[in-house]
């Protein structure tokens, strides 16, 4: 049974490497270009929603997390160590 599985795997691999790419190629018909590039007016690109919304949100949350960490650390240090006079 294991030999049959290996044989089927090798046949599938040979098909994927040999026959499938040859069948995917197309023959050009005539002297027309495959892709026509239009050099029209440039399109104005807006910022993506990730840049407009996600980046400021992450920056604000990381600033808040940093502030909470610093404040929490100072509160723990002050409550742990006290000056004895």
C-alpha atoms as a PDB file:
ATOM      1  CA  UNK A   1       0.000   0.000   0.000  1.00  0.00           C
ATOM      2  CA  UNK A   2       2.851   2.356   0.794  1.00  0.00           C
ATOM      3  CA  UNK A   3       4.403   1.696  -2.625  1.00  0.00           C
ATOM      4  CA  UNK A   4       1.151   2.630  -4.339  1.00  0.00           C
ATOM      5  CA  UNK A   5       1.013   5.916  -2.435  1.00  0.00           C
ATOM      6  CA  UNK A   6       4.611   6.710  -3.373  1.00  0.00           C
ATOM      7  CA  UNK A   7       3.902   5.822  -7.017  1.00  0.00           C
ATOM      8  CA  UNK A   8       0.805   8.053  -7.082  1.00  0.00           C
ATOM      9  CA  UNK A   9       2.782  10.904  -5.484  1.00  0.00           C
ATOM     10  CA  UNK A  10       5.561  10.568  -8.070  1.00  0.00           C
ATOM     11  CA  UNK A  11       3.078  10.492 -10.951  1.00  0.00           C
ATOM     12  CA  UNK A  12       1.354  13.627  -9.628  1.00  0.00           C
ATOM     13  CA  UNK A  13       4.717  15.356  -9.209  1.00  0.00           C
ATOM     14  CA  UNK A  14       5.772  14.435 -12.755  1.00  0.00           C
ATOM     15  CA  UNK A  15       2.449  15.708 -14.089  1.00  0.00           C
ATOM     16  CA  UNK A  16       2.767  18.991 -12.187  1.00  0.00           C
ATOM     17  CA  UNK A  17       6.342  19.570 -13.326  1.00  0.00           C
ATOM     18  CA  UNK A  18       6.127  18.336 -16.906  1.00  0.00           C
ATOM     19  CA  UNK A  19       2.705  18.310 -18.466  1.00  0.00           C
ATOM     20  CA  UNK A  20       0.792  21.046 -16.627  1.00  0.00           C
ATOM     21  CA  UNK A  21       3.141  23.966 -17.478  1.00  0.00           C
ATOM     22  CA  UNK A  22       3.186  22.968 -21.151  1.00  0.00           C
ATOM     23  CA  UNK A  23      -0.590  22.951 -21.280  1.00  0.00           C
ATOM     24  CA  UNK A  24      -0.828  26.362 -19.668  1.00  0.00           C
ATOM     25  CA  UNK A  25       1.181  28.082 -22.398  1.00  0.00           C
ATOM     26  CA  UNK A  26      -0.786  29.894 -25.037  1.00  0.00           C
ATOM     27  CA  UNK A  27       0.273  30.452 -28.617  1.00  0.00           C
ATOM     28  CA  UNK A  28       0.041  34.087 -29.746  1.00  0.00           C
ATOM     29  CA  UNK A  29      -2.384  34.807 -32.569  1.00  0.00           C
ATOM     30  CA  UNK A  30      -0.996  37.441 -34.921  1.00  0.00           C
ATOM     31  CA  UNK A  31       1.289  40.362 -34.218  1.00  0.00           C
ATOM     32  CA  UNK A  32      -0.821  42.010 -31.527  1.00  0.00           C
ATOM     33  CA  UNK A  33       0.815  42.832 -28.205  1.00  0.00           C
ATOM     34  CA  UNK A  34      -0.114  40.724 -25.211  1.00  0.00           C
ATOM     35  CA  UNK A  35      -0.491  43.734 -22.921  1.00  0.00           C
ATOM     36  CA  UNK A  36      -1.364  47.289 -23.903  1.00  0.00           C
ATOM     37  CA  UNK A  37       0.009  49.920 -21.520  1.00  0.00           C
ATOM     38  CA  UNK A  38      -1.938  53.171 -21.387  1.00  0.00           C
ATOM     39  CA  UNK A  39       0.146  56.193 -20.397  1.00  0.00           C
ATOM     40  CA  UNK A  40      -2.823  58.263 -19.341  1.00  0.00           C
ATOM     41  CA  UNK A  41      -3.107  60.769 -16.552  1.00  0.00           C
ATOM     42  CA  UNK A  42      -1.681  59.591 -13.241  1.00  0.00           C
ATOM     43  CA  UNK A  43      -4.274  58.525 -10.712  1.00  0.00           C
ATOM     44  CA  UNK A  44      -4.112  60.193  -7.324  1.00  0.00           C
ATOM     45  CA  UNK A  45      -3.541  57.526  -4.731  1.00  0.00           C
ATOM     46  CA  UNK A  46      -5.296  57.998  -1.401  1.00  0.00           C
ATOM     47  CA  UNK A  47      -3.753  56.657   1.747  1.00  0.00           C
ATOM     48  CA  UNK A  48      -4.896  53.167   2.566  1.00  0.00           C
ATOM     49  CA  UNK A  49      -7.330  52.704   5.443  1.00  0.00           C
ATOM     50  CA  UNK A  50      -4.608  50.940   7.393  1.00  0.00           C
ATOM     51  CA  UNK A  51      -2.397  53.985   7.235  1.00  0.00           C
ATOM     52  CA  UNK A  52      -5.214  56.412   8.028  1.00  0.00           C
ATOM     53  CA  UNK A  53      -6.839  54.536  10.904  1.00  0.00           C
ATOM     54  CA  UNK A  54      -4.811  51.554  12.068  1.00  0.00           C
ATOM     55  CA  UNK A  55      -1.422  53.239  12.407  1.00  0.00           C
ATOM     56  CA  UNK A  56      -2.613  56.147  14.618  1.00  0.00           C
ATOM     57  CA  UNK A  57      -4.643  53.727  16.741  1.00  0.00           C
ATOM     58  CA  UNK A  58      -1.645  51.460  17.307  1.00  0.00           C
ATOM     59  CA  UNK A  59       0.574  54.429  18.115  1.00  0.00           C
ATOM     60  CA  UNK A  60      -1.948  55.817  20.616  1.00  0.00           C
ATOM     61  CA  UNK A  61      -2.473  52.436  22.293  1.00  0.00           C
ATOM     62  CA  UNK A  62       1.266  51.812  22.559  1.00  0.00           C
ATOM     63  CA  UNK A  63       1.750  55.271  24.115  1.00  0.00           C
ATOM     64  CA  UNK A  64      -1.007  54.587  26.628  1.00  0.00           C
ATOM     65  CA  UNK A  65       0.466  51.159  27.434  1.00  0.00           C
ATOM     66  CA  UNK A  66       3.907  52.708  27.945  1.00  0.00           C
ATOM     67  CA  UNK A  67       2.500  55.390  30.245  1.00  0.00           C
ATOM     68  CA  UNK A  68       0.550  52.833  32.301  1.00  0.00           C
ATOM     69  CA  UNK A  69       3.660  50.664  32.616  1.00  0.00           C
ATOM     70  CA  UNK A  70       5.834  53.564  33.802  1.00  0.00           C
ATOM     71  CA  UNK A  71       3.210  54.781  36.284  1.00  0.00           C
ATOM     72  CA  UNK A  72       2.616  51.255  37.599  1.00  0.00           C
ATOM     73  CA  UNK A  73       6.340  50.683  38.012  1.00  0.00           C
ATOM     74  CA  UNK A  74       6.803  53.920  39.976  1.00  0.00           C
ATOM     75  CA  UNK A  75       3.830  53.148  42.237  1.00  0.00           C
ATOM     76  CA  UNK A  76       5.206  49.689  43.037  1.00  0.00           C
ATOM     77  CA  UNK A  77       8.703  51.027  43.750  1.00  0.00           C
ATOM     78  CA  UNK A  78       7.398  53.774  46.055  1.00  0.00           C
ATOM     79  CA  UNK A  79       5.185  51.379  47.991  1.00  0.00           C
ATOM     80  CA  UNK A  80       7.958  48.799  48.375  1.00  0.00           C
ATOM     81  CA  UNK A  81      10.814  51.042  49.528  1.00  0.00           C
ATOM     82  CA  UNK A  82      10.272  53.725  52.164  1.00  0.00           C
ATOM     83  CA  UNK A  83      12.813  56.001  53.738  1.00  0.00           C
ATOM     84  CA  UNK A  84      13.145  55.449  57.482  1.00  0.00           C
ATOM     85  CA  UNK A  85      14.040  58.539  59.511  1.00  0.00           C
END
